[in-house]
Every structure is written in structure tokens, then in C-alpha cells.
């Protein structure tokens, strides 16, 4: 059993906030991989399913961001799991919008959701850091993360979430590299370096290089030879 926990704030008011990108990631995984309907449990919403051969519980804490650890800790204790079974999806100010990185352990960098999880279960869990960019000044952070994504963000956000769902089975297997490749294929799809060769008629006019047909009579040909 693995637990994928997404961080965010509960309720329609916050649903499209930048701070809720962790919830959004889990919603896309659940939808694309046929997980069970969301149900209330562990002070949050849970959905169960499989990613490859791994049984996974998706958890969206409803304790509000700064108490996320209460919900996550309760779920881990219920299943008697250690932090090695936990992956947390969260917004990351220090990554450009659309960027995604996987990290094992480390500090919380001031993120209130991670700070709460640290306090309840420790810090040695895996994180999927989802870039939302930085507003430019620390005094603007609170308003920035609690504001909805802009319309201009819709395309890259959709690509990122689809890539996360594509790579989720690899992440469950512990293959961070393959997970990141799946995300990259959505966010930065490869472009062919070869273009179809244009038809000749679309480029330069064609010249007829055949010799002109000889219309002289046999007698004229003979006379011409002795000129």
C-alpha cells in the first residue's frame, strides 16, 4: 500500500487556487486511472485504486493547508505504514510554472503544508514539487498562492497534470526518472527535425532537358552532312 497525498485547501472557494495544485494532480490521477469515488476518511477525502501492480490510496486532507499533517499522519498510522510509503504533491514557488521535480526528504522551505507533515510524521518522505512560479516579493506570496491560476496558465497546467497521470505508475514503482520523462513528454513534446521534402512543382520550374525532335527528311539529312 502506498499513499499519494496532495496538498491544498478544502472547498469550492479554493479549488482553482495555485496552492491547490496538489489536489488537482490527485484528481487527474484518479480520473485517468479509474480510481474509486472520493469518500471522507482520515480527516480528508480518499480514493483507492491501482497504479500498475501497486495499490495506492489518494488522500486530499480537508484540515486546511497548515494542518495537513494531521490527516496524513492518521492515514499512515491506520495502515501501519512508514514515511517511505508516502509521496506528497505540492505547489513550489521556487520552480517556474509547469516545472516538476521529485525530491526525497529535506526541509519544508516555509511551506505550511510540508511544515505540518514534518511535525507529524518526520521529513524523510518523497515530494513531487509542482512549479507555480514566484510573485517576485515575499510580501506578495500569500495573495499569490491563494489566487486562482490565470487563463494564460490553462495550457501548461493541463499538460503538467496529464503528464503526472501518465507517469504515476512509474512513480508508484519508485522510478522517478521514468515519471519525469512522462511529464516532459506532455509539457515539452519532441518536435521532428525533418520536414517533408517539397514537391518539385512547389519550388522551381522544371526544365525539359530532352533533345528536340529531328523533323528533317532523309534527303535533307544527307545534304546537311556534306555542307
C-alpha atoms as a PDB file:
ATOM      1  CA  UNK A   1       0.000   0.000   0.000  1.00  0.00           C
ATOM      2  CA  UNK A   2       1.243   3.467  -0.953  1.00  0.00           C
ATOM      3  CA  UNK A   3      -0.205   6.851  -0.035  1.00  0.00           C
ATOM      4  CA  UNK A   4      -0.168   9.734  -2.517  1.00  0.00           C
ATOM      5  CA  UNK A   5      -1.164  12.887  -0.618  1.00  0.00           C
ATOM      6  CA  UNK A   6      -1.972  16.110  -2.439  1.00  0.00           C
ATOM      7  CA  UNK A   7      -1.882  19.403  -0.572  1.00  0.00           C
ATOM      8  CA  UNK A   8      -4.476  22.158  -0.811  1.00  0.00           C
ATOM      9  CA  UNK A   9      -7.378  23.802   0.964  1.00  0.00           C
ATOM     10  CA  UNK A  10     -10.905  22.306   1.007  1.00  0.00           C
ATOM     11  CA  UNK A  11     -13.980  23.841  -0.574  1.00  0.00           C
ATOM     12  CA  UNK A  12     -15.021  25.410  -3.874  1.00  0.00           C
ATOM     13  CA  UNK A  13     -13.587  28.785  -2.837  1.00  0.00           C
ATOM     14  CA  UNK A  14     -10.044  27.425  -3.070  1.00  0.00           C
ATOM     15  CA  UNK A  15     -10.465  24.747  -5.730  1.00  0.00           C
ATOM     16  CA  UNK A  16      -8.657  26.603  -8.538  1.00  0.00           C
ATOM     17  CA  UNK A  17      -6.025  28.320  -6.372  1.00  0.00           C
ATOM     18  CA  UNK A  18      -2.335  27.867  -7.149  1.00  0.00           C
ATOM     19  CA  UNK A  19      -1.973  26.455  -3.623  1.00  0.00           C
ATOM     20  CA  UNK A  20      -4.312  23.603  -4.640  1.00  0.00           C
ATOM     21  CA  UNK A  21      -2.258  22.164  -7.475  1.00  0.00           C
ATOM     22  CA  UNK A  22      -1.563  19.121  -5.278  1.00  0.00           C
ATOM     23  CA  UNK A  23      -5.296  18.383  -5.134  1.00  0.00           C
ATOM     24  CA  UNK A  24      -5.522  18.890  -8.903  1.00  0.00           C
ATOM     25  CA  UNK A  25      -2.750  16.348  -9.523  1.00  0.00           C
ATOM     26  CA  UNK A  26      -4.554  13.686  -7.499  1.00  0.00           C
ATOM     27  CA  UNK A  27      -7.857  14.426  -9.228  1.00  0.00           C
ATOM     28  CA  UNK A  28      -6.234  13.789 -12.613  1.00  0.00           C
ATOM     29  CA  UNK A  29      -4.587  10.557 -11.441  1.00  0.00           C
ATOM     30  CA  UNK A  30      -7.910   9.313 -10.050  1.00  0.00           C
ATOM     31  CA  UNK A  31      -9.751  10.183 -13.264  1.00  0.00           C
ATOM     32  CA  UNK A  32      -7.220   8.759 -15.707  1.00  0.00           C
ATOM     33  CA  UNK A  33      -6.602   5.520 -13.800  1.00  0.00           C
ATOM     34  CA  UNK A  34     -10.154   4.638 -12.803  1.00  0.00           C
ATOM     35  CA  UNK A  35      -9.859   5.073  -9.044  1.00  0.00           C
ATOM     36  CA  UNK A  36     -12.860   4.727  -6.726  1.00  0.00           C
ATOM     37  CA  UNK A  37     -15.169   7.687  -5.969  1.00  0.00           C
ATOM     38  CA  UNK A  38     -13.874  10.097  -3.330  1.00  0.00           C
ATOM     39  CA  UNK A  39     -15.005   9.358   0.220  1.00  0.00           C
ATOM     40  CA  UNK A  40     -14.467  11.077   3.556  1.00  0.00           C
ATOM     41  CA  UNK A  41     -11.839   9.423   5.739  1.00  0.00           C
ATOM     42  CA  UNK A  42      -8.735  10.359   7.738  1.00  0.00           C
ATOM     43  CA  UNK A  43      -9.925  13.980   8.045  1.00  0.00           C
ATOM     44  CA  UNK A  44      -9.851  14.216   4.286  1.00  0.00           C
ATOM     45  CA  UNK A  45     -11.073  12.751   1.028  1.00  0.00           C
ATOM     46  CA  UNK A  46      -9.692   9.414  -0.157  1.00  0.00           C
ATOM     47  CA  UNK A  47      -9.835   7.425  -3.379  1.00  0.00           C
ATOM     48  CA  UNK A  48      -8.412   3.931  -3.860  1.00  0.00           C
ATOM     49  CA  UNK A  49      -7.063   2.172  -6.902  1.00  0.00           C
ATOM     50  CA  UNK A  50      -4.046   0.590  -8.533  1.00  0.00           C
ATOM     51  CA  UNK A  51      -1.126   2.000 -10.436  1.00  0.00           C
ATOM     52  CA  UNK A  52       0.384  -0.979 -12.187  1.00  0.00           C
ATOM     53  CA  UNK A  53       0.725  -3.690  -9.537  1.00  0.00           C
ATOM     54  CA  UNK A  54       0.729  -1.206  -6.633  1.00  0.00           C
ATOM     55  CA  UNK A  55      -2.312  -0.468  -4.505  1.00  0.00           C
ATOM     56  CA  UNK A  56      -2.472   3.277  -3.903  1.00  0.00           C
ATOM     57  CA  UNK A  57      -4.559   5.478  -1.623  1.00  0.00           C
ATOM     58  CA  UNK A  58      -5.019   9.041  -2.835  1.00  0.00           C
ATOM     59  CA  UNK A  59      -5.510  11.465   0.053  1.00  0.00           C
ATOM     60  CA  UNK A  60      -6.635  15.107  -0.033  1.00  0.00           C
ATOM     61  CA  UNK A  61      -6.544  16.477   3.558  1.00  0.00           C
ATOM     62  CA  UNK A  62      -9.526  18.668   4.484  1.00  0.00           C
ATOM     63  CA  UNK A  63      -7.820  20.080   7.561  1.00  0.00           C
ATOM     64  CA  UNK A  64      -6.658  23.182   5.644  1.00  0.00           C
ATOM     65  CA  UNK A  65      -3.074  23.504   4.493  1.00  0.00           C
ATOM     66  CA  UNK A  66      -1.380  24.302   7.798  1.00  0.00           C
ATOM     67  CA  UNK A  67      -2.779  21.146   9.442  1.00  0.00           C
ATOM     68  CA  UNK A  68      -2.200  18.705   6.582  1.00  0.00           C
ATOM     69  CA  UNK A  69      -0.021  16.530   8.804  1.00  0.00           C
ATOM     70  CA  UNK A  70      -2.977  15.540  10.976  1.00  0.00           C
ATOM     71  CA  UNK A  71      -4.712  13.833   8.059  1.00  0.00           C
ATOM     72  CA  UNK A  72      -1.550  12.325   6.561  1.00  0.00           C
ATOM     73  CA  UNK A  73      -0.370  11.030   9.933  1.00  0.00           C
ATOM     74  CA  UNK A  74      -3.733   9.407  10.670  1.00  0.00           C
ATOM     75  CA  UNK A  75      -3.717   7.554   7.332  1.00  0.00           C
ATOM     76  CA  UNK A  76      -0.156   6.277   7.808  1.00  0.00           C
ATOM     77  CA  UNK A  77      -0.913   5.028  11.319  1.00  0.00           C
ATOM     78  CA  UNK A  78      -4.130   3.317  10.229  1.00  0.00           C
ATOM     79  CA  UNK A  79      -2.305   1.257   7.599  1.00  0.00           C
ATOM     80  CA  UNK A  80       0.805   0.865   9.798  1.00  0.00           C
ATOM     81  CA  UNK A  81       2.959   2.430   7.097  1.00  0.00           C
ATOM     82  CA  UNK A  82       6.231   4.289   7.401  1.00  0.00           C
ATOM     83  CA  UNK A  83       7.079   7.534   5.633  1.00  0.00           C
ATOM     84  CA  UNK A  84       8.767   5.525   2.880  1.00  0.00           C
ATOM     85  CA  UNK A  85       5.226   4.735   1.635  1.00  0.00           C
ATOM     86  CA  UNK A  86       4.297   8.428   1.389  1.00  0.00           C
ATOM     87  CA  UNK A  87       4.513  10.741  -1.615  1.00  0.00           C
ATOM     88  CA  UNK A  88       3.325  14.349  -1.246  1.00  0.00           C
ATOM     89  CA  UNK A  89       2.309  16.519  -4.228  1.00  0.00           C
ATOM     90  CA  UNK A  90       2.574  20.244  -3.504  1.00  0.00           C
ATOM     91  CA  UNK A  91       2.968  23.681  -5.052  1.00  0.00           C
ATOM     92  CA  UNK A  92       6.520  25.030  -5.338  1.00  0.00           C
ATOM     93  CA  UNK A  93       7.275  28.750  -5.552  1.00  0.00           C
ATOM     94  CA  UNK A  94      10.929  28.167  -6.399  1.00  0.00           C
ATOM     95  CA  UNK A  95      10.158  26.348  -9.651  1.00  0.00           C
ATOM     96  CA  UNK A  96       8.980  28.017 -12.849  1.00  0.00           C
ATOM     97  CA  UNK A  97       5.350  27.387 -13.845  1.00  0.00           C
ATOM     98  CA  UNK A  98       4.996  23.944 -15.399  1.00  0.00           C
ATOM     99  CA  UNK A  99       8.232  22.562 -13.981  1.00  0.00           C
ATOM    100  CA  UNK A 100       8.128  19.388 -11.912  1.00  0.00           C
ATOM    101  CA  UNK A 101      10.794  17.792  -9.733  1.00  0.00           C
ATOM    102  CA  UNK A 102      10.899  14.785  -7.427  1.00  0.00           C
ATOM    103  CA  UNK A 103      12.735  15.099  -4.122  1.00  0.00           C
ATOM    104  CA  UNK A 104      13.378  12.698  -1.271  1.00  0.00           C
ATOM    105  CA  UNK A 105      13.448  14.204   2.211  1.00  0.00           C
ATOM    106  CA  UNK A 106      14.756  17.656   3.086  1.00  0.00           C
ATOM    107  CA  UNK A 107      13.355  20.823   4.637  1.00  0.00           C
ATOM    108  CA  UNK A 108       9.940  22.391   4.211  1.00  0.00           C
ATOM    109  CA  UNK A 109      11.227  25.742   2.854  1.00  0.00           C
ATOM    110  CA  UNK A 110       8.470  27.604   4.685  1.00  0.00           C
ATOM    111  CA  UNK A 111       5.633  25.656   3.054  1.00  0.00           C
ATOM    112  CA  UNK A 112       2.944  25.360   5.742  1.00  0.00           C
ATOM    113  CA  UNK A 113       1.607  22.053   4.483  1.00  0.00           C
ATOM    114  CA  UNK A 114       5.039  20.436   4.496  1.00  0.00           C
ATOM    115  CA  UNK A 115       5.824  22.009   7.861  1.00  0.00           C
ATOM    116  CA  UNK A 116       2.752  20.310   9.341  1.00  0.00           C
ATOM    117  CA  UNK A 117       3.630  16.933   7.798  1.00  0.00           C
ATOM    118  CA  UNK A 118       7.178  17.242   9.165  1.00  0.00           C
ATOM    119  CA  UNK A 119       5.750  17.785  12.637  1.00  0.00           C
ATOM    120  CA  UNK A 120       3.504  14.708  12.469  1.00  0.00           C
ATOM    121  CA  UNK A 121       5.478  12.091  10.530  1.00  0.00           C
ATOM    122  CA  UNK A 122       9.011  13.411  10.035  1.00  0.00           C
ATOM    123  CA  UNK A 123      10.743  14.698   6.915  1.00  0.00           C
ATOM    124  CA  UNK A 124      12.005  11.588   5.110  1.00  0.00           C
ATOM    125  CA  UNK A 125       9.182  11.254   2.585  1.00  0.00           C
ATOM    126  CA  UNK A 126       9.103  11.780  -1.167  1.00  0.00           C
ATOM    127  CA  UNK A 127       7.796  15.030  -2.583  1.00  0.00           C
ATOM    128  CA  UNK A 128       6.622  15.913  -6.087  1.00  0.00           C
ATOM    129  CA  UNK A 129       7.297  19.643  -6.365  1.00  0.00           C
ATOM    130  CA  UNK A 130       4.967  21.356  -8.840  1.00  0.00           C
ATOM    131  CA  UNK A 131       6.192  24.725 -10.058  1.00  0.00           C
ATOM    132  CA  UNK A 132       3.834  27.691  -9.892  1.00  0.00           C
ATOM    133  CA  UNK A 133       6.432  30.468 -10.095  1.00  0.00           C
ATOM    134  CA  UNK A 134       7.098  33.290  -7.631  1.00  0.00           C
ATOM    135  CA  UNK A 135       5.299  36.649  -7.498  1.00  0.00           C
ATOM    136  CA  UNK A 136       8.627  38.437  -7.082  1.00  0.00           C
ATOM    137  CA  UNK A 137       8.461  39.564  -3.452  1.00  0.00           C
ATOM    138  CA  UNK A 138       7.816  37.599  -0.280  1.00  0.00           C
ATOM    139  CA  UNK A 139       5.089  40.039   0.820  1.00  0.00           C
ATOM    140  CA  UNK A 140       3.062  39.023  -2.247  1.00  0.00           C
ATOM    141  CA  UNK A 141       3.292  35.259  -1.695  1.00  0.00           C
ATOM    142  CA  UNK A 142       0.156  34.764   0.423  1.00  0.00           C
ATOM    143  CA  UNK A 143      -2.106  36.530  -2.060  1.00  0.00           C
ATOM    144  CA  UNK A 144      -0.404  34.835  -4.991  1.00  0.00           C
ATOM    145  CA  UNK A 145      -0.812  31.225  -3.830  1.00  0.00           C
ATOM    146  CA  UNK A 146      -4.405  31.821  -2.701  1.00  0.00           C
ATOM    147  CA  UNK A 147      -5.373  33.241  -6.085  1.00  0.00           C
ATOM    148  CA  UNK A 148      -6.732  31.204  -8.994  1.00  0.00           C
ATOM    149  CA  UNK A 149      -4.489  30.241 -11.884  1.00  0.00           C
ATOM    150  CA  UNK A 150      -4.722  32.762 -14.709  1.00  0.00           C
ATOM    151  CA  UNK A 151      -6.380  31.855 -18.003  1.00  0.00           C
ATOM    152  CA  UNK A 152      -2.959  32.035 -19.640  1.00  0.00           C
ATOM    153  CA  UNK A 153      -1.839  29.164 -17.400  1.00  0.00           C
ATOM    154  CA  UNK A 154      -4.511  26.755 -18.641  1.00  0.00           C
ATOM    155  CA  UNK A 155      -2.471  25.023 -21.353  1.00  0.00           C
ATOM    156  CA  UNK A 156       0.714  24.333 -19.406  1.00  0.00           C
ATOM    157  CA  UNK A 157      -1.284  23.361 -16.317  1.00  0.00           C
ATOM    158  CA  UNK A 158      -3.310  20.803 -18.275  1.00  0.00           C
ATOM    159  CA  UNK A 159      -0.147  19.389 -19.869  1.00  0.00           C
ATOM    160  CA  UNK A 160       1.542  19.122 -16.474  1.00  0.00           C
ATOM    161  CA  UNK A 161      -1.394  17.336 -14.838  1.00  0.00           C
ATOM    162  CA  UNK A 162      -1.771  14.918 -17.759  1.00  0.00           C
ATOM    163  CA  UNK A 163       1.940  14.161 -17.592  1.00  0.00           C
ATOM    164  CA  UNK A 164       1.699  13.450 -13.867  1.00  0.00           C
ATOM    165  CA  UNK A 165      -1.136  10.989 -14.500  1.00  0.00           C
ATOM    166  CA  UNK A 166       0.808   9.367 -17.358  1.00  0.00           C
ATOM    167  CA  UNK A 167       3.841   8.861 -15.131  1.00  0.00           C
ATOM    168  CA  UNK A 168       2.016   7.888 -11.936  1.00  0.00           C
ATOM    169  CA  UNK A 169       2.567   4.108 -12.369  1.00  0.00           C
ATOM    170  CA  UNK A 170       6.319   4.680 -12.704  1.00  0.00           C
ATOM    171  CA  UNK A 171       6.287   6.894  -9.619  1.00  0.00           C
ATOM    172  CA  UNK A 172       4.492   4.170  -7.670  1.00  0.00           C
ATOM    173  CA  UNK A 173       7.239   1.746  -8.692  1.00  0.00           C
ATOM    174  CA  UNK A 174       9.886   4.155  -7.416  1.00  0.00           C
ATOM    175  CA  UNK A 175      11.160   5.089 -10.868  1.00  0.00           C
ATOM    176  CA  UNK A 176      11.424   8.873 -10.608  1.00  0.00           C
ATOM    177  CA  UNK A 177      13.314   9.135 -13.887  1.00  0.00           C
ATOM    178  CA  UNK A 178      10.594   7.446 -15.924  1.00  0.00           C
ATOM    179  CA  UNK A 179       7.984   9.551 -14.138  1.00  0.00           C
ATOM    180  CA  UNK A 180       9.827  12.743 -15.074  1.00  0.00           C
ATOM    181  CA  UNK A 181      10.141  11.577 -18.676  1.00  0.00           C
ATOM    182  CA  UNK A 182       6.381  11.077 -18.853  1.00  0.00           C
ATOM    183  CA  UNK A 183       5.807  14.596 -17.563  1.00  0.00           C
ATOM    184  CA  UNK A 184       8.354  16.042 -20.007  1.00  0.00           C
ATOM    185  CA  UNK A 185       6.662  14.329 -22.967  1.00  0.00           C
ATOM    186  CA  UNK A 186       3.476  16.230 -22.146  1.00  0.00           C
ATOM    187  CA  UNK A 187       4.986  19.567 -21.179  1.00  0.00           C
ATOM    188  CA  UNK A 188       7.712  19.648 -23.852  1.00  0.00           C
ATOM    189  CA  UNK A 189       6.735  17.157 -26.564  1.00  0.00           C
ATOM    190  CA  UNK A 190       9.539  16.361 -29.032  1.00  0.00           C
ATOM    191  CA  UNK A 191       9.373  18.006 -32.415  1.00  0.00           C
ATOM    192  CA  UNK A 192      10.530  16.308 -35.572  1.00  0.00           C
ATOM    193  CA  UNK A 193      13.645  17.901 -37.086  1.00  0.00           C
ATOM    194  CA  UNK A 194      12.774  16.568 -40.532  1.00  0.00           C
ATOM    195  CA  UNK A 195      10.229  18.294 -42.719  1.00  0.00           C
ATOM    196  CA  UNK A 196       8.637  16.649 -45.752  1.00  0.00           C
ATOM    197  CA  UNK A 197      10.591  17.427 -48.892  1.00  0.00           C
ATOM    198  CA  UNK A 198       8.501  19.775 -51.060  1.00  0.00           C
ATOM    199  CA  UNK A 199       7.358  18.628 -54.452  1.00  0.00           C
ATOM    200  CA  UNK A 200       9.427  19.964 -57.310  1.00  0.00           C
ATOM    201  CA  UNK A 201       6.429  21.780 -58.744  1.00  0.00           C
ATOM    202  CA  UNK A 202       6.158  23.772 -55.490  1.00  0.00           C
ATOM    203  CA  UNK A 203       9.727  25.063 -55.697  1.00  0.00           C
ATOM    204  CA  UNK A 204      11.476  25.660 -59.023  1.00  0.00           C
ATOM    205  CA  UNK A 205      10.011  25.388 -62.549  1.00  0.00           C
ATOM    206  CA  UNK A 206      11.038  22.181 -64.290  1.00  0.00           C
ATOM    207  CA  UNK A 207      13.174  22.433 -67.471  1.00  0.00           C
ATOM    208  CA  UNK A 208      12.714  19.916 -70.286  1.00  0.00           C
ATOM    209  CA  UNK A 209      16.257  18.647 -70.997  1.00  0.00           C
ATOM    210  CA  UNK A 210      15.276  16.262 -73.772  1.00  0.00           C
ATOM    211  CA  UNK A 211      16.809  16.898 -77.265  1.00  0.00           C
ATOM    212  CA  UNK A 212      14.351  18.460 -79.719  1.00  0.00           C
ATOM    213  CA  UNK A 213      12.778  16.011 -82.167  1.00  0.00           C
ATOM    214  CA  UNK A 214      14.564  15.930 -85.599  1.00  0.00           C
ATOM    215  CA  UNK A 215      11.902  16.647 -88.229  1.00  0.00           C
ATOM    216  CA  UNK A 216      14.237  16.704 -91.276  1.00  0.00           C
ATOM    217  CA  UNK A 217      13.597  14.355 -94.199  1.00  0.00           C
ATOM    218  CA  UNK A 218      16.232  11.674 -95.022  1.00  0.00           C
ATOM    219  CA  UNK A 219      17.308  13.630 -98.131  1.00  0.00           C
ATOM    220  CA  UNK A 220      17.744  16.821 -96.121  1.00  0.00           C
ATOM    221  CA  UNK A 221      19.795  14.976 -93.519  1.00  0.00           C
ATOM    222  CA  UNK A 222      22.105  13.656 -96.316  1.00  0.00           C
ATOM    223  CA  UNK A 223      22.532  17.112 -97.842  1.00  0.00           C
ATOM    224  CA  UNK A 224      23.295  18.616 -94.448  1.00  0.00           C
ATOM    225  CA  UNK A 225      26.065  16.074 -93.835  1.00  0.00           C
ATOM    226  CA  UNK A 226      28.052  17.339 -96.856  1.00  0.00           C
ATOM    227  CA  UNK A 227      27.662  21.034 -96.197  1.00  0.00           C
END
